[in-house]
Amino acid sequence: MINKTSVLQLQVVGKVHARDLVGEVGVLCYRPQPYTVRTKRLSQILRLSRATFLNILHSNAGDGAIIMNNFLNVYSFFVQL
């Protein structure tokens, strides 16, 4: 993930690996995030609406708990920055 600090300056703030989530803060908190995600190789990206994402969380309680725990860990990391 890249944070655009100025017109000419980019700062790498994190690295995303296979099966990682990107954009969950914006979906769960209604807050768009000022980050850009770039890939070094061909990647598959799944785009979900907020309603679809929340339906998946509700219908798969175990997976939903894991996603929410990961979200809280990532969120607490960025709050400390």
PDB file of N, CA and C in Angstrom:
ATOM      1  N   MET A   1       0.839  -1.159   0.000  1.00  0.00           N
ATOM      2  CA  MET A   1       0.000   0.000   0.000  1.00  0.00           C
ATOM      3  C   MET A   1       0.889   1.228   0.000  1.00  0.00           C
ATOM      4  N   ILE A   2       0.498   2.197  -0.728  1.00  0.00           N
ATOM      5  CA  ILE A   2       1.315   3.391  -0.899  1.00  0.00           C
ATOM      6  C   ILE A   2       0.522   4.607  -0.453  1.00  0.00           C
ATOM      7  N   ASN A   3       1.124   5.422   0.384  1.00  0.00           N
ATOM      8  CA  ASN A   3       0.519   6.668   0.836  1.00  0.00           C
ATOM      9  C   ASN A   3       1.125   7.800   0.020  1.00  0.00           C
ATOM     10  N   LYS A   4       0.281   8.596  -0.599  1.00  0.00           N
ATOM     11  CA  LYS A   4       0.760   9.724  -1.406  1.00  0.00           C
ATOM     12  C   LYS A   4       0.945  10.916  -0.480  1.00  0.00           C
ATOM     13  N   THR A   5       2.192  11.185  -0.072  1.00  0.00           N
ATOM     14  CA  THR A   5       2.473  12.253   0.878  1.00  0.00           C
ATOM     15  C   THR A   5       2.544  13.619   0.229  1.00  0.00           C
ATOM     16  N   SER A   6       2.882  13.677  -1.031  1.00  0.00           N
ATOM     17  CA  SER A   6       2.884  14.937  -1.774  1.00  0.00           C
ATOM     18  C   SER A   6       2.749  14.595  -3.255  1.00  0.00           C
ATOM     19  N   VAL A   7       2.817  15.586  -4.082  1.00  0.00           N
ATOM     20  CA  VAL A   7       2.641  15.367  -5.515  1.00  0.00           C
ATOM     21  C   VAL A   7       3.728  14.447  -6.068  1.00  0.00           C
ATOM     22  N   LEU A   8       4.950  14.598  -5.609  1.00  0.00           N
ATOM     23  CA  LEU A   8       6.065  13.821  -6.157  1.00  0.00           C
ATOM     24  C   LEU A   8       6.579  12.742  -5.221  1.00  0.00           C
ATOM     25  N   GLN A   9       6.038  12.633  -4.030  1.00  0.00           N
ATOM     26  CA  GLN A   9       6.601  11.714  -3.052  1.00  0.00           C
ATOM     27  C   GLN A   9       5.589  10.630  -2.664  1.00  0.00           C
ATOM     28  N   LEU A  10       6.016   9.386  -2.766  1.00  0.00           N
ATOM     29  CA  LEU A  10       5.202   8.251  -2.366  1.00  0.00           C
ATOM     30  C   LEU A  10       5.902   7.532  -1.224  1.00  0.00           C
ATOM     31  N   GLN A  11       5.129   7.028  -0.273  1.00  0.00           N
ATOM     32  CA  GLN A  11       5.694   6.332   0.868  1.00  0.00           C
ATOM     33  C   GLN A  11       5.025   4.968   0.977  1.00  0.00           C
ATOM     34  N   VAL A  12       5.805   3.900   0.975  1.00  0.00           N
ATOM     35  CA  VAL A  12       5.265   2.551   1.148  1.00  0.00           C
ATOM     36  C   VAL A  12       4.929   2.372   2.623  1.00  0.00           C
ATOM     37  N   VAL A  13       3.658   2.047   2.912  1.00  0.00           N
ATOM     38  CA  VAL A  13       3.225   1.897   4.299  1.00  0.00           C
ATOM     39  C   VAL A  13       2.905   0.456   4.649  1.00  0.00           C
ATOM     40  N   GLY A  14       2.899  -0.424   3.687  1.00  0.00           N
ATOM     41  CA  GLY A  14       2.631  -1.822   3.984  1.00  0.00           C
ATOM     42  C   GLY A  14       2.747  -2.675   2.739  1.00  0.00           C
ATOM     43  N   LYS A  15       2.885  -3.967   2.970  1.00  0.00           N
ATOM     44  CA  LYS A  15       2.994  -4.920   1.885  1.00  0.00           C
ATOM     45  C   LYS A  15       1.840  -5.906   2.021  1.00  0.00           C
ATOM     46  N   VAL A  16       1.152  -6.154   0.937  1.00  0.00           N
ATOM     47  CA  VAL A  16       0.020  -7.061   0.928  1.00  0.00           C
ATOM     48  C   VAL A  16       0.464  -8.379   0.310  1.00  0.00           C
ATOM     49  N   HIS A  17       0.079  -9.462   0.945  1.00  0.00           N
ATOM     50  CA  HIS A  17       0.442 -10.797   0.475  1.00  0.00           C
ATOM     51  C   HIS A  17      -0.805 -11.539   0.015  1.00  0.00           C
ATOM     52  N   ALA A  18      -0.621 -12.708  -0.546  1.00  0.00           N
ATOM     53  CA  ALA A  18      -1.747 -13.514  -1.015  1.00  0.00           C
ATOM     54  C   ALA A  18      -2.761 -13.703   0.110  1.00  0.00           C
ATOM     55  N   ARG A  19      -4.030 -13.557  -0.228  1.00  0.00           N
ATOM     56  CA  ARG A  19      -5.169 -13.730   0.681  1.00  0.00           C
ATOM     57  C   ARG A  19      -5.310 -12.633   1.730  1.00  0.00           C
ATOM     58  N   ASP A  20      -4.594 -11.520   1.587  1.00  0.00           N
ATOM     59  CA  ASP A  20      -4.765 -10.379   2.490  1.00  0.00           C
ATOM     60  C   ASP A  20      -5.931  -9.518   2.020  1.00  0.00           C
ATOM     61  N   LEU A  21      -6.487  -8.758   2.942  1.00  0.00           N
ATOM     62  CA  LEU A  21      -7.578  -7.841   2.625  1.00  0.00           C
ATOM     63  C   LEU A  21      -7.041  -6.433   2.432  1.00  0.00           C
ATOM     64  N   VAL A  22      -7.655  -5.721   1.515  1.00  0.00           N
ATOM     65  CA  VAL A  22      -7.337  -4.317   1.290  1.00  0.00           C
ATOM     66  C   VAL A  22      -8.656  -3.577   1.149  1.00  0.00           C
ATOM     67  N   GLY A  23      -8.822  -2.490   1.885  1.00  0.00           N
ATOM     68  CA  GLY A  23     -10.018  -1.685   1.752  1.00  0.00           C
ATOM     69  C   GLY A  23     -11.099  -1.961   2.766  1.00  0.00           C
ATOM     70  N   GLU A  24     -10.842  -2.877   3.707  1.00  0.00           N
ATOM     71  CA  GLU A  24     -11.882  -3.217   4.677  1.00  0.00           C
ATOM     72  C   GLU A  24     -12.214  -2.061   5.620  1.00  0.00           C
ATOM     73  N   VAL A  25     -11.260  -1.182   5.887  1.00  0.00           N
ATOM     74  CA  VAL A  25     -11.532  -0.021   6.736  1.00  0.00           C
ATOM     75  C   VAL A  25     -12.574   0.870   6.074  1.00  0.00           C
ATOM     76  N   GLY A  26     -12.407   1.123   4.799  1.00  0.00           N
ATOM     77  CA  GLY A  26     -13.367   1.936   4.070  1.00  0.00           C
ATOM     78  C   GLY A  26     -14.745   1.310   4.033  1.00  0.00           C
ATOM     79  N   VAL A  27     -14.802  -0.007   3.881  1.00  0.00           N
ATOM     80  CA  VAL A  27     -16.081  -0.702   3.815  1.00  0.00           C
ATOM     81  C   VAL A  27     -16.777  -0.708   5.173  1.00  0.00           C
ATOM     82  N   LEU A  28     -16.056  -1.026   6.222  1.00  0.00           N
ATOM     83  CA  LEU A  28     -16.668  -1.169   7.546  1.00  0.00           C
ATOM     84  C   LEU A  28     -16.938   0.155   8.230  1.00  0.00           C
ATOM     85  N   CYS A  29     -16.153   1.162   7.954  1.00  0.00           N
ATOM     86  CA  CYS A  29     -16.273   2.443   8.664  1.00  0.00           C
ATOM     87  C   CYS A  29     -16.809   3.576   7.787  1.00  0.00           C
ATOM     88  N   TYR A  30     -17.183   3.279   6.550  1.00  0.00           N
ATOM     89  CA  TYR A  30     -17.651   4.314   5.615  1.00  0.00           C
ATOM     90  C   TYR A  30     -16.613   5.422   5.428  1.00  0.00           C
ATOM     91  N   ARG A  31     -15.326   5.081   5.478  1.00  0.00           N
ATOM     92  CA  ARG A  31     -14.268   6.085   5.327  1.00  0.00           C
ATOM     93  C   ARG A  31     -13.315   5.648   4.220  1.00  0.00           C
ATOM     94  N   PRO A  32     -13.337   6.318   3.087  1.00  0.00           N
ATOM     95  CA  PRO A  32     -12.357   6.005   2.047  1.00  0.00           C
ATOM     96  C   PRO A  32     -10.944   6.233   2.580  1.00  0.00           C
ATOM     97  N   GLN A  33     -10.046   5.379   2.203  1.00  0.00           N
ATOM     98  CA  GLN A  33      -8.668   5.465   2.684  1.00  0.00           C
ATOM     99  C   GLN A  33      -7.776   6.091   1.606  1.00  0.00           C
ATOM    100  N   PRO A  34      -6.809   6.910   2.011  1.00  0.00           N
ATOM    101  CA  PRO A  34      -5.960   7.621   1.041  1.00  0.00           C
ATOM    102  C   PRO A  34      -4.768   6.785   0.575  1.00  0.00           C
ATOM    103  N   TYR A  35      -5.006   5.522   0.257  1.00  0.00           N
ATOM    104  CA  TYR A  35      -3.914   4.642  -0.151  1.00  0.00           C
ATOM    105  C   TYR A  35      -4.164   4.120  -1.550  1.00  0.00           C
ATOM    106  N   THR A  36      -3.093   3.797  -2.217  1.00  0.00           N
ATOM    107  CA  THR A  36      -3.130   3.174  -3.524  1.00  0.00           C
ATOM    108  C   THR A  36      -2.502   1.806  -3.398  1.00  0.00           C
ATOM    109  N   VAL A  37      -3.101   0.825  -4.041  1.00  0.00           N
ATOM    110  CA  VAL A  37      -2.536  -0.523  -4.038  1.00  0.00           C
ATOM    111  C   VAL A  37      -1.996  -0.800  -5.425  1.00  0.00           C
ATOM    112  N   ARG A  38      -0.756  -1.224  -5.487  1.00  0.00           N
ATOM    113  CA  ARG A  38      -0.127  -1.563  -6.763  1.00  0.00           C
ATOM    114  C   ARG A  38       0.365  -3.005  -6.688  1.00  0.00           C
ATOM    115  N   THR A  39       0.312  -3.693  -7.813  1.00  0.00           N
ATOM    116  CA  THR A  39       0.806  -5.061  -7.859  1.00  0.00           C
ATOM    117  C   THR A  39       2.038  -5.133  -8.748  1.00  0.00           C
ATOM    118  N   LYS A  40       2.920  -6.055  -8.419  1.00  0.00           N
ATOM    119  CA  LYS A  40       4.124  -6.247  -9.223  1.00  0.00           C
ATOM    120  C   LYS A  40       3.902  -7.267 -10.330  1.00  0.00           C
ATOM    121  N   ARG A  41       2.851  -8.078 -10.170  1.00  0.00           N
ATOM    122  CA  ARG A  41       2.549  -9.076 -11.194  1.00  0.00           C
ATOM    123  C   ARG A  41       1.044  -9.198 -11.347  1.00  0.00           C
ATOM    124  N   LEU A  42       0.619  -9.950 -12.319  1.00  0.00           N
ATOM    125  CA  LEU A  42      -0.795 -10.125 -12.588  1.00  0.00           C
ATOM    126  C   LEU A  42      -1.502 -10.631 -11.337  1.00  0.00           C
ATOM    127  N   SER A  43      -2.581  -9.966 -10.942  1.00  0.00           N
ATOM    128  CA  SER A  43      -3.299 -10.307  -9.720  1.00  0.00           C
ATOM    129  C   SER A  43      -4.797 -10.354  -9.986  1.00  0.00           C
ATOM    130  N   GLN A  44      -5.483 -11.125  -9.161  1.00  0.00           N
ATOM    131  CA  GLN A  44      -6.938 -11.157  -9.224  1.00  0.00           C
ATOM    132  C   GLN A  44      -7.474 -10.380  -8.034  1.00  0.00           C
ATOM    133  N   ILE A  45      -8.397  -9.475  -8.304  1.00  0.00           N
ATOM    134  CA  ILE A  45      -8.968  -8.642  -7.252  1.00  0.00           C
ATOM    135  C   ILE A  45     -10.472  -8.861  -7.252  1.00  0.00           C
ATOM    136  N   LEU A  46     -11.027  -9.081  -6.074  1.00  0.00           N
ATOM    137  CA  LEU A  46     -12.456  -9.263  -5.906  1.00  0.00           C
ATOM    138  C   LEU A  46     -13.028  -7.993  -5.308  1.00  0.00           C
ATOM    139  N   ARG A  47     -13.958  -7.373  -6.008  1.00  0.00           N
ATOM    140  CA  ARG A  47     -14.573  -6.148  -5.531  1.00  0.00           C
ATOM    141  C   ARG A  47     -15.968  -6.476  -5.011  1.00  0.00           C
ATOM    142  N   LEU A  48     -16.225  -6.103  -3.757  1.00  0.00           N
ATOM    143  CA  LEU A  48     -17.502  -6.372  -3.116  1.00  0.00           C
ATOM    144  C   LEU A  48     -18.130  -5.080  -2.619  1.00  0.00           C
ATOM    145  N   SER A  49     -19.440  -5.009  -2.691  1.00  0.00           N
ATOM    146  CA  SER A  49     -20.135  -3.888  -2.071  1.00  0.00           C
ATOM    147  C   SER A  49     -20.150  -4.110  -0.557  1.00  0.00           C
ATOM    148  N   ARG A  50     -20.448  -3.067   0.184  1.00  0.00           N
ATOM    149  CA  ARG A  50     -20.512  -3.179   1.639  1.00  0.00           C
ATOM    150  C   ARG A  50     -21.566  -4.198   2.056  1.00  0.00           C
ATOM    151  N   ALA A  51     -22.732  -4.173   1.425  1.00  0.00           N
ATOM    152  CA  ALA A  51     -23.824  -5.095   1.764  1.00  0.00           C
ATOM    153  C   ALA A  51     -23.412  -6.544   1.526  1.00  0.00           C
ATOM    154  N   THR A  52     -22.778  -6.812   0.394  1.00  0.00           N
ATOM    155  CA  THR A  52     -22.322  -8.169   0.089  1.00  0.00           C
ATOM    156  C   THR A  52     -21.280  -8.620   1.093  1.00  0.00           C
ATOM    157  N   PHE A  53     -20.329  -7.756   1.409  1.00  0.00           N
ATOM    158  CA  PHE A  53     -19.278  -8.085   2.366  1.00  0.00           C
ATOM    159  C   PHE A  53     -19.876  -8.428   3.733  1.00  0.00           C
ATOM    160  N   LEU A  54     -20.811  -7.619   4.210  1.00  0.00           N
ATOM    161  CA  LEU A  54     -21.433  -7.875   5.510  1.00  0.00           C
ATOM    162  C   LEU A  54     -22.294  -9.130   5.488  1.00  0.00           C
ATOM    163  N   ASN A  55     -22.961  -9.416   4.380  1.00  0.00           N
ATOM    164  CA  ASN A  55     -23.723 -10.669   4.263  1.00  0.00           C
ATOM    165  C   ASN A  55     -22.813 -11.882   4.368  1.00  0.00           C
ATOM    166  N   ILE A  56     -21.640 -11.806   3.759  1.00  0.00           N
ATOM    167  CA  ILE A  56     -20.670 -12.904   3.850  1.00  0.00           C
ATOM    168  C   ILE A  56     -20.216 -13.081   5.294  1.00  0.00           C
ATOM    169  N   LEU A  57     -19.946 -11.975   5.994  1.00  0.00           N
ATOM    170  CA  LEU A  57     -19.531 -12.060   7.397  1.00  0.00           C
ATOM    171  C   LEU A  57     -20.606 -12.710   8.260  1.00  0.00           C
ATOM    172  N   HIS A  58     -21.858 -12.335   8.026  1.00  0.00           N
ATOM    173  CA  HIS A  58     -22.959 -12.874   8.827  1.00  0.00           C
ATOM    174  C   HIS A  58     -23.224 -14.346   8.534  1.00  0.00           C
ATOM    175  N   SER A  59     -23.095 -14.757   7.286  1.00  0.00           N
ATOM    176  CA  SER A  59     -23.405 -16.143   6.927  1.00  0.00           C
ATOM    177  C   SER A  59     -22.279 -17.113   7.254  1.00  0.00           C
ATOM    178  N   ASN A  60     -21.071 -16.617   7.459  1.00  0.00           N
ATOM    179  CA  ASN A  60     -19.919 -17.466   7.814  1.00  0.00           C
ATOM    180  C   ASN A  60     -19.310 -16.927   9.100  1.00  0.00           C
ATOM    181  N   ALA A  61     -19.919 -17.280  10.234  1.00  0.00           N
ATOM    182  CA  ALA A  61     -19.544 -16.696  11.521  1.00  0.00           C
ATOM    183  C   ALA A  61     -18.067 -16.903  11.848  1.00  0.00           C
ATOM    184  N   GLY A  62     -17.538 -18.077  11.598  1.00  0.00           N
ATOM    185  CA  GLY A  62     -16.124 -18.347  11.893  1.00  0.00           C
ATOM    186  C   GLY A  62     -15.192 -17.475  11.080  1.00  0.00           C
ATOM    187  N   ASP A  63     -15.451 -17.401   9.789  1.00  0.00           N
ATOM    188  CA  ASP A  63     -14.636 -16.551   8.917  1.00  0.00           C
ATOM    189  C   ASP A  63     -14.828 -15.077   9.264  1.00  0.00           C
ATOM    190  N   GLY A  64     -16.061 -14.711   9.610  1.00  0.00           N
ATOM    191  CA  GLY A  64     -16.337 -13.326   9.988  1.00  0.00           C
ATOM    192  C   GLY A  64     -15.555 -12.904  11.208  1.00  0.00           C
ATOM    193  N   ALA A  65     -15.433 -13.808  12.187  1.00  0.00           N
ATOM    194  CA  ALA A  65     -14.656 -13.499  13.394  1.00  0.00           C
ATOM    195  C   ALA A  65     -13.182 -13.301  13.060  1.00  0.00           C
ATOM    196  N   ILE A  66     -12.648 -14.131  12.170  1.00  0.00           N
ATOM    197  CA  ILE A  66     -11.242 -14.001  11.763  1.00  0.00           C
ATOM    198  C   ILE A  66     -11.028 -12.676  11.036  1.00  0.00           C
ATOM    199  N   ILE A  67     -11.929 -12.335  10.124  1.00  0.00           N
ATOM    200  CA  ILE A  67     -11.806 -11.083   9.371  1.00  0.00           C
ATOM    201  C   ILE A  67     -11.877  -9.885  10.307  1.00  0.00           C
ATOM    202  N   MET A  68     -12.813  -9.913  11.254  1.00  0.00           N
ATOM    203  CA  MET A  68     -12.948  -8.793  12.191  1.00  0.00           C
ATOM    204  C   MET A  68     -11.725  -8.680  13.093  1.00  0.00           C
ATOM    205  N   ASN A  69     -11.166  -9.803  13.557  1.00  0.00           N
ATOM    206  CA  ASN A  69      -9.933  -9.764  14.361  1.00  0.00           C
ATOM    207  C   ASN A  69      -8.782  -9.176  13.558  1.00  0.00           C
ATOM    208  N   ASN A  70      -8.642  -9.601  12.300  1.00  0.00           N
ATOM    209  CA  ASN A  70      -7.592  -9.055  11.440  1.00  0.00           C
ATOM    210  C   ASN A  70      -7.808  -7.560  11.219  1.00  0.00           C
ATOM    211  N   PHE A  71      -9.065  -7.168  11.004  1.00  0.00           N
ATOM    212  CA  PHE A  71      -9.388  -5.757  10.823  1.00  0.00           C
ATOM    213  C   PHE A  71      -8.986  -4.947  12.047  1.00  0.00           C
ATOM    214  N   LEU A  72      -9.324  -5.433  13.231  1.00  0.00           N
ATOM    215  CA  LEU A  72      -8.984  -4.697  14.456  1.00  0.00           C
ATOM    216  C   LEU A  72      -7.478  -4.597  14.656  1.00  0.00           C
ATOM    217  N   ASN A  73      -6.739  -5.645  14.306  1.00  0.00           N
ATOM    218  CA  ASN A  73      -5.276  -5.602  14.404  1.00  0.00           C
ATOM    219  C   ASN A  73      -4.687  -4.570  13.455  1.00  0.00           C
ATOM    220  N   VAL A  74      -5.144  -4.563  12.218  1.00  0.00           N
ATOM    221  CA  VAL A  74      -4.646  -3.609  11.228  1.00  0.00           C
ATOM    222  C   VAL A  74      -5.046  -2.197  11.622  1.00  0.00           C
ATOM    223  N   TYR A  75      -6.300  -2.036  12.054  1.00  0.00           N
ATOM    224  CA  TYR A  75      -6.791  -0.705  12.441  1.00  0.00           C
ATOM    225  C   TYR A  75      -5.992  -0.145  13.609  1.00  0.00           C
ATOM    226  N   SER A  76      -5.714  -0.967  14.613  1.00  0.00           N
ATOM    227  CA  SER A  76      -4.945  -0.484  15.770  1.00  0.00           C
ATOM    228  C   SER A  76      -3.520  -0.120  15.355  1.00  0.00           C
ATOM    229  N   PHE A  77      -2.948  -0.839  14.375  1.00  0.00           N
ATOM    230  CA  PHE A  77      -1.620  -0.519  13.876  1.00  0.00           C
ATOM    231  C   PHE A  77      -1.606   0.863  13.245  1.00  0.00           C
ATOM    232  N   PHE A  78      -2.604   1.159  12.386  1.00  0.00           N
ATOM    233  CA  PHE A  78      -2.630   2.439  11.691  1.00  0.00           C
ATOM    234  C   PHE A  78      -3.001   3.586  12.631  1.00  0.00           C
ATOM    235  N   VAL A  79      -3.762   3.315  13.661  1.00  0.00           N
ATOM    236  CA  VAL A  79      -4.099   4.367  14.633  1.00  0.00           C
ATOM    237  C   VAL A  79      -2.841   4.801  15.374  1.00  0.00           C
ATOM    238  N   GLN A  80      -1.919   3.866  15.602  1.00  0.00           N
ATOM    239  CA  GLN A  80      -0.669   4.183  16.321  1.00  0.00           C
ATOM    240  C   GLN A  80       0.289   5.006  15.468  1.00  0.00           C
ATOM    241  N   LEU A  81       0.115   5.003  14.127  1.00  0.00           N
ATOM    242  CA  LEU A  81       1.014   5.785  13.270  1.00  0.00           C
ATOM    243  C   LEU A  81       0.797   7.210  13.451  1.00  0.00           C
TER     244      LEU A  81
END
